[in-house]
Amino acid sequence: MDVAVRDLAEDDRAAWEPLWAVYLEHYGEDLPAPVTDATWARVTGADPRMHGIGAFAGGRLVGVAHYVLGPSTWDVADDCYLEDLVVAPDVRGRGVGRALIDELRRRGLAGGWRRVHWLTEESNATARRLYDAVGTLTPYVRYEIDLAGDGSGSARTG
């Protein structure tokens, strides 16, 4: 599949929303409209740390990646956290996800980033086939404290 990857632009929102909905459904999330609005604003330029890229095939948006750039205490170079990656269900397995990750690798090499890293659910076998091919599985375990909840330390997935 011939895929072109570029930054998301304001006029991509109508094509982005269905992909965002697929992604949220996969993780069992139902975000309020103001969160989706804020996410869109951030990934299209409202926040210099957060970015969005889209994969286009035949003029159609078929994949999206949102990423966050930030400093590291381990290096002078920035780290890139790939926060979200979603590919339209009808084109999965045809190189779209790889094209998005390859673009982040290209940007990272050009920008002098230290690394690109991401998380996925252990059971996400489809995505992990790609991730195993393009990255290195690390031995780290993630913990979190949900500060939007009651602050008790109960974990929330997603």
N, C-alpha and C. Protein backbone atom coordinates (compact mmCIF):
# COMPACT_ATOMS: atom_id res chain seq x y z
N MET A 1 0.85 -1.18 0.00
CA MET A 1 0.00 0.00 0.00
C MET A 1 0.89 1.23 0.00
N ASP A 2 0.61 2.17 -0.87
CA ASP A 2 1.36 3.42 -0.95
C ASP A 2 0.81 4.38 0.09
N VAL A 3 1.65 4.73 1.07
CA VAL A 3 1.23 5.57 2.20
C VAL A 3 2.11 6.80 2.27
N ALA A 4 1.48 7.95 2.43
CA ALA A 4 2.21 9.20 2.66
C ALA A 4 1.89 9.66 4.08
N VAL A 5 2.92 10.05 4.83
CA VAL A 5 2.73 10.48 6.22
C VAL A 5 3.09 11.96 6.32
N ARG A 6 2.22 12.71 7.00
CA ARG A 6 2.46 14.13 7.22
C ARG A 6 1.82 14.56 8.53
N ASP A 7 2.15 15.77 8.97
CA ASP A 7 1.52 16.34 10.15
C ASP A 7 0.02 16.46 9.92
N LEU A 8 -0.75 16.24 10.98
CA LEU A 8 -2.18 16.48 10.89
C LEU A 8 -2.43 17.98 10.80
N ALA A 9 -3.43 18.36 10.02
CA ALA A 9 -3.79 19.76 9.83
C ALA A 9 -5.25 19.97 10.27
N GLU A 10 -5.60 21.21 10.53
CA GLU A 10 -6.95 21.55 11.00
C GLU A 10 -8.04 20.92 10.15
N ASP A 11 -7.87 20.90 8.84
CA ASP A 11 -8.93 20.37 7.98
C ASP A 11 -8.98 18.84 7.93
N ASP A 12 -8.16 18.15 8.71
CA ASP A 12 -8.19 16.69 8.79
C ASP A 12 -9.14 16.19 9.89
N ARG A 13 -9.72 17.08 10.65
CA ARG A 13 -10.48 16.65 11.83
C ARG A 13 -11.61 15.67 11.49
N ALA A 14 -12.37 15.95 10.46
CA ALA A 14 -13.50 15.07 10.12
C ALA A 14 -13.04 13.64 9.81
N ALA A 15 -11.86 13.50 9.24
CA ALA A 15 -11.31 12.17 8.95
C ALA A 15 -10.66 11.55 10.18
N TRP A 16 -10.15 12.39 11.07
CA TRP A 16 -9.48 11.92 12.29
C TRP A 16 -10.46 11.36 13.30
N GLU A 17 -11.61 12.00 13.45
CA GLU A 17 -12.56 11.61 14.50
C GLU A 17 -12.98 10.15 14.45
N PRO A 18 -13.31 9.58 13.28
CA PRO A 18 -13.67 8.15 13.27
C PRO A 18 -12.52 7.24 13.70
N LEU A 19 -11.29 7.58 13.33
CA LEU A 19 -10.14 6.78 13.77
C LEU A 19 -9.95 6.90 15.28
N TRP A 20 -10.10 8.10 15.81
CA TRP A 20 -10.00 8.33 17.25
C TRP A 20 -11.07 7.50 17.96
N ALA A 21 -12.26 7.46 17.42
CA ALA A 21 -13.35 6.68 18.02
C ALA A 21 -13.02 5.18 18.02
N VAL A 22 -12.43 4.67 16.95
CA VAL A 22 -12.02 3.26 16.88
C VAL A 22 -10.99 2.98 17.97
N TYR A 23 -10.04 3.88 18.13
CA TYR A 23 -8.99 3.72 19.13
C TYR A 23 -9.58 3.70 20.54
N LEU A 24 -10.44 4.66 20.83
CA LEU A 24 -11.05 4.73 22.16
C LEU A 24 -11.91 3.50 22.43
N GLU A 25 -12.63 3.04 21.43
CA GLU A 25 -13.46 1.84 21.60
C GLU A 25 -12.60 0.63 21.94
N HIS A 26 -11.45 0.51 21.27
CA HIS A 26 -10.54 -0.62 21.55
C HIS A 26 -10.15 -0.64 23.03
N TYR A 27 -9.93 0.53 23.62
CA TYR A 27 -9.53 0.60 25.02
C TYR A 27 -10.71 0.78 25.97
N GLY A 28 -11.94 0.69 25.46
CA GLY A 28 -13.11 0.78 26.31
C GLY A 28 -13.30 2.16 26.92
N GLU A 29 -12.86 3.19 26.22
CA GLU A 29 -12.96 4.56 26.73
C GLU A 29 -14.07 5.31 26.02
N ASP A 30 -14.71 6.18 26.76
CA ASP A 30 -15.72 7.08 26.20
C ASP A 30 -15.42 8.46 26.76
N LEU A 31 -14.57 9.20 26.05
CA LEU A 31 -14.12 10.49 26.55
C LEU A 31 -15.16 11.58 26.29
N PRO A 32 -15.27 12.52 27.20
CA PRO A 32 -16.18 13.65 26.97
C PRO A 32 -15.68 14.48 25.78
N ALA A 33 -16.61 15.14 25.10
CA ALA A 33 -16.27 15.95 23.92
C ALA A 33 -15.18 16.98 24.21
N PRO A 34 -15.18 17.64 25.37
CA PRO A 34 -14.10 18.62 25.61
C PRO A 34 -12.70 18.00 25.62
N VAL A 35 -12.58 16.74 26.02
CA VAL A 35 -11.27 16.07 26.00
C VAL A 35 -10.85 15.82 24.55
N THR A 36 -11.78 15.34 23.74
CA THR A 36 -11.47 15.12 22.33
C THR A 36 -11.12 16.44 21.66
N ASP A 37 -11.86 17.50 21.96
CA ASP A 37 -11.55 18.82 21.40
C ASP A 37 -10.15 19.27 21.81
N ALA A 38 -9.81 19.09 23.07
CA ALA A 38 -8.49 19.49 23.56
C ALA A 38 -7.39 18.65 22.92
N THR A 39 -7.64 17.35 22.77
CA THR A 39 -6.65 16.48 22.13
C THR A 39 -6.40 16.94 20.70
N TRP A 40 -7.47 17.20 19.97
CA TRP A 40 -7.33 17.66 18.59
C TRP A 40 -6.53 18.97 18.53
N ALA A 41 -6.87 19.91 19.39
CA ALA A 41 -6.15 21.19 19.41
C ALA A 41 -4.68 20.97 19.72
N ARG A 42 -4.39 20.11 20.66
CA ARG A 42 -2.99 19.86 21.04
C ARG A 42 -2.20 19.23 19.91
N VAL A 43 -2.76 18.19 19.28
CA VAL A 43 -1.98 17.48 18.26
C VAL A 43 -1.87 18.26 16.95
N THR A 44 -2.63 19.34 16.83
CA THR A 44 -2.53 20.17 15.63
C THR A 44 -1.89 21.52 15.91
N GLY A 45 -1.19 21.63 17.04
CA GLY A 45 -0.38 22.82 17.23
C GLY A 45 -0.60 23.66 18.46
N ALA A 46 -1.64 23.40 19.24
CA ALA A 46 -1.89 24.23 20.42
C ALA A 46 -0.89 23.99 21.53
N ASP A 47 -0.24 22.85 21.53
CA ASP A 47 0.75 22.52 22.56
C ASP A 47 2.04 22.10 21.85
N PRO A 48 3.12 22.84 22.03
CA PRO A 48 4.35 22.52 21.29
C PRO A 48 4.98 21.18 21.66
N ARG A 49 4.53 20.56 22.74
CA ARG A 49 5.08 19.26 23.14
C ARG A 49 4.35 18.10 22.50
N MET A 50 3.11 18.30 22.06
CA MET A 50 2.28 17.21 21.55
C MET A 50 2.06 17.39 20.06
N HIS A 51 2.11 16.28 19.32
CA HIS A 51 2.03 16.33 17.87
C HIS A 51 1.17 15.19 17.35
N GLY A 52 0.67 15.38 16.15
CA GLY A 52 -0.09 14.33 15.49
C GLY A 52 0.34 14.20 14.04
N ILE A 53 0.51 12.96 13.61
CA ILE A 53 0.81 12.69 12.21
C ILE A 53 -0.25 11.74 11.67
N GLY A 54 -0.49 11.85 10.38
CA GLY A 54 -1.47 10.99 9.73
C GLY A 54 -0.87 10.26 8.56
N ALA A 55 -1.33 9.05 8.34
CA ALA A 55 -0.95 8.25 7.18
C ALA A 55 -2.11 8.31 6.19
N PHE A 56 -1.79 8.69 4.97
CA PHE A 56 -2.80 8.86 3.93
C PHE A 56 -2.53 7.89 2.79
N ALA A 57 -3.59 7.25 2.32
CA ALA A 57 -3.51 6.35 1.16
C ALA A 57 -4.67 6.69 0.24
N GLY A 58 -4.36 6.99 -1.00
CA GLY A 58 -5.42 7.37 -1.94
C GLY A 58 -6.19 8.59 -1.48
N GLY A 59 -5.53 9.49 -0.78
CA GLY A 59 -6.18 10.71 -0.29
C GLY A 59 -6.99 10.52 0.98
N ARG A 60 -7.05 9.31 1.50
CA ARG A 60 -7.83 9.00 2.70
C ARG A 60 -6.92 8.85 3.91
N LEU A 61 -7.34 9.42 5.04
CA LEU A 61 -6.60 9.24 6.29
C LEU A 61 -6.87 7.82 6.79
N VAL A 62 -5.81 7.00 6.86
CA VAL A 62 -5.98 5.59 7.23
C VAL A 62 -5.24 5.22 8.51
N GLY A 63 -4.49 6.17 9.06
CA GLY A 63 -3.79 5.90 10.30
C GLY A 63 -3.35 7.19 10.97
N VAL A 64 -3.24 7.13 12.29
CA VAL A 64 -2.89 8.31 13.08
C VAL A 64 -1.94 7.90 14.19
N ALA A 65 -0.99 8.78 14.47
CA ALA A 65 -0.13 8.62 15.63
C ALA A 65 -0.04 9.97 16.34
N HIS A 66 -0.21 9.93 17.65
CA HIS A 66 -0.02 11.11 18.50
C HIS A 66 1.23 10.86 19.32
N TYR A 67 2.07 11.89 19.43
CA TYR A 67 3.30 11.71 20.19
C TYR A 67 3.63 12.95 21.00
N VAL A 68 4.39 12.72 22.07
CA VAL A 68 4.76 13.79 22.99
C VAL A 68 6.28 13.84 23.06
N LEU A 69 6.83 15.03 22.87
CA LEU A 69 8.28 15.23 23.01
C LEU A 69 8.55 15.88 24.35
N GLY A 70 9.59 15.40 25.00
CA GLY A 70 9.94 15.97 26.29
C GLY A 70 11.37 15.69 26.67
N PRO A 71 11.87 16.45 27.62
CA PRO A 71 13.25 16.27 28.06
C PRO A 71 13.40 14.97 28.85
N SER A 72 14.64 14.55 28.94
CA SER A 72 14.99 13.34 29.68
C SER A 72 16.02 13.68 30.74
N THR A 73 15.93 13.04 31.88
CA THR A 73 16.96 13.19 32.90
C THR A 73 18.18 12.33 32.59
N TRP A 74 18.08 11.48 31.57
CA TRP A 74 19.13 10.54 31.23
C TRP A 74 20.00 11.00 30.06
N ASP A 75 19.64 12.14 29.46
CA ASP A 75 20.36 12.60 28.27
C ASP A 75 20.00 14.06 28.05
N VAL A 76 20.76 14.74 27.20
CA VAL A 76 20.40 16.10 26.84
C VAL A 76 19.37 16.12 25.70
N ALA A 77 19.22 15.00 25.02
CA ALA A 77 18.27 14.88 23.91
C ALA A 77 16.87 14.60 24.43
N ASP A 78 15.87 15.00 23.64
CA ASP A 78 14.48 14.73 23.98
C ASP A 78 14.13 13.26 23.77
N ASP A 79 13.13 12.81 24.52
CA ASP A 79 12.49 11.52 24.31
C ASP A 79 11.18 11.76 23.57
N CYS A 80 10.80 10.80 22.77
CA CYS A 80 9.51 10.83 22.09
C CYS A 80 8.67 9.70 22.64
N TYR A 81 7.52 10.04 23.21
CA TYR A 81 6.58 9.03 23.69
C TYR A 81 5.45 8.92 22.68
N LEU A 82 5.35 7.79 22.03
CA LEU A 82 4.26 7.50 21.10
C LEU A 82 3.04 7.13 21.95
N GLU A 83 2.14 8.09 22.11
CA GLU A 83 1.02 7.89 23.03
C GLU A 83 -0.12 7.09 22.41
N ASP A 84 -0.44 7.39 21.17
CA ASP A 84 -1.56 6.71 20.51
C ASP A 84 -1.16 6.35 19.09
N LEU A 85 -1.55 5.15 18.66
CA LEU A 85 -1.37 4.75 17.26
C LEU A 85 -2.59 3.93 16.88
N VAL A 86 -3.25 4.34 15.82
CA VAL A 86 -4.44 3.61 15.35
C VAL A 86 -4.42 3.57 13.83
N VAL A 87 -4.84 2.43 13.30
CA VAL A 87 -4.94 2.22 11.86
C VAL A 87 -6.37 1.79 11.56
N ALA A 88 -6.93 2.30 10.48
CA ALA A 88 -8.28 1.93 10.07
C ALA A 88 -8.37 0.41 9.94
N PRO A 89 -9.42 -0.19 10.50
CA PRO A 89 -9.52 -1.66 10.49
C PRO A 89 -9.41 -2.30 9.11
N ASP A 90 -9.91 -1.64 8.07
CA ASP A 90 -9.90 -2.26 6.75
C ASP A 90 -8.53 -2.25 6.07
N VAL A 91 -7.53 -1.57 6.66
CA VAL A 91 -6.20 -1.56 6.04
C VAL A 91 -5.11 -2.08 6.99
N ARG A 92 -5.50 -2.66 8.09
CA ARG A 92 -4.51 -3.19 9.03
C ARG A 92 -3.71 -4.31 8.37
N GLY A 93 -2.44 -4.38 8.74
CA GLY A 93 -1.57 -5.41 8.20
C GLY A 93 -1.00 -5.06 6.84
N ARG A 94 -1.20 -3.80 6.40
CA ARG A 94 -0.73 -3.40 5.06
C ARG A 94 0.34 -2.31 5.12
N GLY A 95 0.99 -2.15 6.28
CA GLY A 95 2.13 -1.25 6.36
C GLY A 95 1.86 0.15 6.88
N VAL A 96 0.62 0.43 7.26
CA VAL A 96 0.28 1.78 7.70
C VAL A 96 0.91 2.09 9.06
N GLY A 97 0.77 1.19 10.01
CA GLY A 97 1.37 1.40 11.33
C GLY A 97 2.88 1.51 11.23
N ARG A 98 3.48 0.67 10.41
CA ARG A 98 4.94 0.73 10.21
C ARG A 98 5.34 2.07 9.60
N ALA A 99 4.55 2.57 8.66
CA ALA A 99 4.87 3.87 8.04
C ALA A 99 4.85 4.98 9.08
N LEU A 100 3.89 4.94 10.00
CA LEU A 100 3.82 5.96 11.06
C LEU A 100 5.03 5.87 11.99
N ILE A 101 5.38 4.66 12.41
CA ILE A 101 6.54 4.49 13.29
C ILE A 101 7.83 4.85 12.55
N ASP A 102 7.93 4.48 11.28
CA ASP A 102 9.11 4.84 10.49
C ASP A 102 9.26 6.35 10.39
N GLU A 103 8.14 7.07 10.28
CA GLU A 103 8.21 8.52 10.23
C GLU A 103 8.71 9.09 11.55
N LEU A 104 8.28 8.52 12.66
CA LEU A 104 8.79 8.97 13.95
C LEU A 104 10.29 8.67 14.07
N ARG A 105 10.71 7.54 13.59
CA ARG A 105 12.14 7.22 13.59
C ARG A 105 12.91 8.25 12.75
N ARG A 106 12.39 8.57 11.57
CA ARG A 106 13.04 9.56 10.70
C ARG A 106 13.12 10.92 11.39
N ARG A 107 12.01 11.36 11.98
CA ARG A 107 12.00 12.65 12.68
C ARG A 107 12.96 12.64 13.86
N GLY A 108 13.00 11.52 14.55
CA GLY A 108 13.89 11.42 15.69
C GLY A 108 15.35 11.50 15.31
N LEU A 109 15.72 10.81 14.25
CA LEU A 109 17.10 10.87 13.78
C LEU A 109 17.45 12.29 13.33
N ALA A 110 16.53 12.93 12.60
CA ALA A 110 16.77 14.29 12.12
C ALA A 110 16.79 15.29 13.27
N GLY A 111 15.97 15.06 14.29
CA GLY A 111 15.85 16.00 15.40
C GLY A 111 16.76 15.72 16.58
N GLY A 112 17.51 14.63 16.51
CA GLY A 112 18.43 14.30 17.60
C GLY A 112 17.75 13.78 18.85
N TRP A 113 16.58 13.16 18.71
CA TRP A 113 15.90 12.58 19.87
C TRP A 113 16.73 11.42 20.41
N ARG A 114 16.53 11.13 21.69
CA ARG A 114 17.22 10.00 22.32
C ARG A 114 16.55 8.68 21.96
N ARG A 115 15.24 8.66 21.96
CA ARG A 115 14.51 7.42 21.67
C ARG A 115 13.06 7.72 21.37
N VAL A 116 12.40 6.73 20.79
CA VAL A 116 10.95 6.68 20.65
C VAL A 116 10.52 5.49 21.49
N HIS A 117 9.54 5.69 22.37
CA HIS A 117 9.06 4.57 23.19
C HIS A 117 7.54 4.63 23.31
N TRP A 118 6.96 3.48 23.64
CA TRP A 118 5.50 3.38 23.75
C TRP A 118 5.14 2.19 24.62
N LEU A 119 3.87 2.12 24.94
CA LEU A 119 3.29 1.02 25.73
C LEU A 119 2.16 0.40 24.92
N THR A 120 1.88 -0.84 25.20
CA THR A 120 0.66 -1.46 24.69
C THR A 120 0.24 -2.52 25.69
N GLU A 121 -0.99 -2.96 25.57
CA GLU A 121 -1.46 -4.03 26.43
C GLU A 121 -0.75 -5.32 26.06
N GLU A 122 -0.42 -6.11 27.06
CA GLU A 122 0.25 -7.39 26.81
C GLU A 122 -0.55 -8.26 25.84
N SER A 123 -1.86 -8.17 25.91
CA SER A 123 -2.73 -9.00 25.08
C SER A 123 -2.96 -8.45 23.67
N ASN A 124 -2.38 -7.31 23.33
CA ASN A 124 -2.60 -6.68 22.03
C ASN A 124 -1.71 -7.36 20.97
N ALA A 125 -2.06 -8.60 20.65
CA ALA A 125 -1.23 -9.43 19.77
C ALA A 125 -1.05 -8.83 18.38
N THR A 126 -2.08 -8.24 17.82
CA THR A 126 -1.98 -7.68 16.48
C THR A 126 -0.94 -6.57 16.43
N ALA A 127 -1.04 -5.62 17.33
CA ALA A 127 -0.08 -4.52 17.36
C ALA A 127 1.32 -5.02 17.74
N ARG A 128 1.39 -5.99 18.62
CA ARG A 128 2.69 -6.46 19.09
C ARG A 128 3.48 -7.14 17.98
N ARG A 129 2.82 -7.70 16.98
CA ARG A 129 3.56 -8.28 15.85
C ARG A 129 4.37 -7.17 15.16
N LEU A 130 3.76 -6.01 14.97
CA LEU A 130 4.48 -4.88 14.39
C LEU A 130 5.55 -4.38 15.35
N TYR A 131 5.18 -4.18 16.61
CA TYR A 131 6.10 -3.61 17.59
C TYR A 131 7.33 -4.50 17.78
N ASP A 132 7.13 -5.81 17.75
CA ASP A 132 8.26 -6.73 17.87
C ASP A 132 9.20 -6.62 16.67
N ALA A 133 8.66 -6.23 15.52
CA ALA A 133 9.47 -6.11 14.31
C ALA A 133 10.23 -4.78 14.24
N VAL A 134 9.71 -3.74 14.88
CA VAL A 134 10.35 -2.42 14.74
C VAL A 134 11.03 -1.92 16.01
N GLY A 135 10.77 -2.53 17.13
CA GLY A 135 11.32 -2.06 18.39
C GLY A 135 11.86 -3.19 19.24
N THR A 136 12.27 -2.84 20.43
CA THR A 136 12.81 -3.81 21.37
C THR A 136 11.90 -3.87 22.59
N LEU A 137 11.42 -5.05 22.91
CA LEU A 137 10.61 -5.25 24.11
C LEU A 137 11.51 -5.08 25.33
N THR A 138 11.10 -4.23 26.25
CA THR A 138 11.90 -3.98 27.45
C THR A 138 11.30 -4.74 28.63
N PRO A 139 12.07 -4.92 29.70
CA PRO A 139 11.57 -5.65 30.86
C PRO A 139 10.84 -4.78 31.88
N TYR A 140 10.56 -3.54 31.55
CA TYR A 140 9.97 -2.65 32.54
C TYR A 140 8.49 -2.91 32.76
N VAL A 141 8.04 -2.67 33.97
CA VAL A 141 6.64 -2.81 34.38
C VAL A 141 6.13 -1.41 34.70
N ARG A 142 4.95 -1.11 34.28
CA ARG A 142 4.39 0.23 34.47
C ARG A 142 3.48 0.27 35.70
N TYR A 143 3.62 1.31 36.48
CA TYR A 143 2.73 1.61 37.60
C TYR A 143 2.17 2.99 37.38
N GLU A 144 1.02 3.25 37.96
CA GLU A 144 0.47 4.59 37.86
C GLU A 144 -0.42 4.89 39.05
N ILE A 145 -0.58 6.16 39.30
CA ILE A 145 -1.54 6.65 40.29
C ILE A 145 -2.53 7.52 39.51
N ASP A 146 -3.77 7.17 39.54
CA ASP A 146 -4.81 7.89 38.82
C ASP A 146 -5.21 9.12 39.63
N LEU A 147 -4.66 10.26 39.31
CA LEU A 147 -4.95 11.49 40.05
C LEU A 147 -6.29 12.11 39.66
N ALA A 148 -6.87 11.64 38.55
CA ALA A 148 -8.19 12.13 38.18
C ALA A 148 -9.29 11.42 38.96
N GLY A 149 -8.93 10.28 39.54
CA GLY A 149 -9.89 9.51 40.35
C GLY A 149 -9.82 9.99 41.79
N ASP A 150 -9.86 9.05 42.70
CA ASP A 150 -9.86 9.41 44.12
C ASP A 150 -8.46 9.56 44.70
N GLY A 151 -7.42 9.30 43.88
CA GLY A 151 -6.04 9.47 44.35
C GLY A 151 -5.54 8.34 45.22
N SER A 152 -6.29 7.26 45.33
CA SER A 152 -5.92 6.17 46.21
C SER A 152 -4.81 5.29 45.63
N GLY A 153 -4.49 5.51 44.37
CA GLY A 153 -3.47 4.68 43.74
C GLY A 153 -4.04 3.55 42.92
N SER A 154 -5.35 3.45 42.84
CA SER A 154 -5.94 2.40 42.02
C SER A 154 -5.60 2.64 40.57
N ALA A 155 -5.24 1.58 39.89
CA ALA A 155 -4.79 1.70 38.50
C ALA A 155 -5.97 1.82 37.55
N ARG A 156 -5.72 2.51 36.47
CA ARG A 156 -6.68 2.65 35.39
C ARG A 156 -5.94 2.29 34.11
N THR A 157 -6.56 1.49 33.27
CA THR A 157 -5.91 1.12 32.03
C THR A 157 -6.25 2.12 30.96
N GLY A 158 -5.43 2.10 29.91
CA GLY A 158 -5.71 2.97 28.76
C GLY A 158 -4.62 3.91 28.47
